[in-house]
Amino acid sequence: MFYTYILKSIKDQSLYVGWTDDLKSRFTKHNAGKVLSTKFRRPLKLIYYEACLVKQAAIKREKYF
């Protein structure tokens, strides 16, 4: 299973859209500062996600947002 997700920065209200095959782990990495693109926008909250059966579908959905 693959996931497209949207995070919202509590610090500056900005949004981040991404995709992953392990949503829980990826969210933990974002909030631990291990993802450069969101490192300085922490803390983050997960505001939306959707599951996809194939990787290409998740990537396509990411680009849609």
Protein backbone atom coordinates (compact mmCIF):
# COMPACT_ATOMS: atom_id res chain seq x y z
CA MET A 1 0.00 0.00 0.00
CA PHE A 2 1.17 3.53 -0.82
CA TYR A 3 -0.05 6.80 0.62
CA THR A 4 -0.35 10.38 -0.55
CA TYR A 5 -0.47 12.76 2.40
CA ILE A 6 -0.68 16.41 3.35
CA LEU A 7 1.02 17.88 6.40
CA LYS A 8 0.30 21.31 7.85
CA SER A 9 2.91 23.27 9.74
CA ILE A 10 1.64 24.47 13.09
CA LYS A 11 4.50 27.00 13.09
CA ASP A 12 3.70 28.84 9.83
CA GLN A 13 0.50 27.19 8.49
CA SER A 14 2.24 26.05 5.28
CA LEU A 15 1.35 22.75 3.60
CA TYR A 16 3.57 19.89 2.48
CA VAL A 17 2.39 17.16 0.09
CA GLY A 18 4.22 13.86 -0.23
CA TRP A 19 3.88 10.14 -0.84
CA THR A 20 5.26 7.12 1.00
CA ASP A 21 4.83 3.40 1.53
CA ASP A 22 4.98 3.76 5.35
CA LEU A 23 2.88 6.67 6.54
CA LYS A 24 3.54 6.30 10.26
CA SER A 25 7.32 6.14 9.82
CA ARG A 26 7.41 9.01 7.35
CA PHE A 27 5.31 11.24 9.62
CA THR A 28 7.65 10.46 12.53
CA LYS A 29 10.67 11.41 10.38
CA HIS A 30 9.05 14.71 9.39
CA ASN A 31 8.38 15.68 13.01
CA ALA A 32 11.83 14.54 14.15
CA GLY A 33 13.46 16.98 11.71
CA LYS A 34 14.91 14.25 9.49
CA VAL A 35 13.27 15.56 6.30
CA LEU A 36 15.05 18.65 4.98
CA SER A 37 12.00 20.19 3.29
CA THR A 38 10.01 20.29 6.54
CA LYS A 39 12.80 20.45 9.12
CA PHE A 40 12.35 24.14 9.92
CA ARG A 41 8.54 24.10 9.73
CA ARG A 42 7.94 21.78 12.69
CA PRO A 43 5.77 20.81 14.42
CA LEU A 44 3.57 19.32 11.73
CA LYS A 45 0.19 17.69 11.80
CA LEU A 46 -1.27 15.22 9.34
CA ILE A 47 -4.39 16.80 7.87
CA TYR A 48 -5.14 14.39 5.00
CA TYR A 49 -4.07 11.08 3.53
CA GLU A 50 -5.32 8.57 1.02
CA ALA A 51 -4.25 5.03 0.23
CA CYS A 52 -3.27 3.81 -3.24
CA LEU A 53 -2.65 0.26 -4.38
CA VAL A 54 0.28 1.12 -6.64
CA LYS A 55 3.19 3.54 -6.33
CA GLN A 56 2.45 5.39 -9.57
CA ALA A 57 -1.07 6.21 -8.37
CA ALA A 58 0.30 7.75 -5.17
CA ILE A 59 2.81 9.83 -7.15
CA LYS A 60 0.07 10.97 -9.53
CA ARG A 61 -2.13 12.04 -6.62
CA GLU A 62 0.79 13.93 -5.05
CA LYS A 63 1.19 15.94 -8.25
CA TYR A 64 -2.57 16.63 -8.32
CA PHE A 65 -2.33 18.62 -5.10
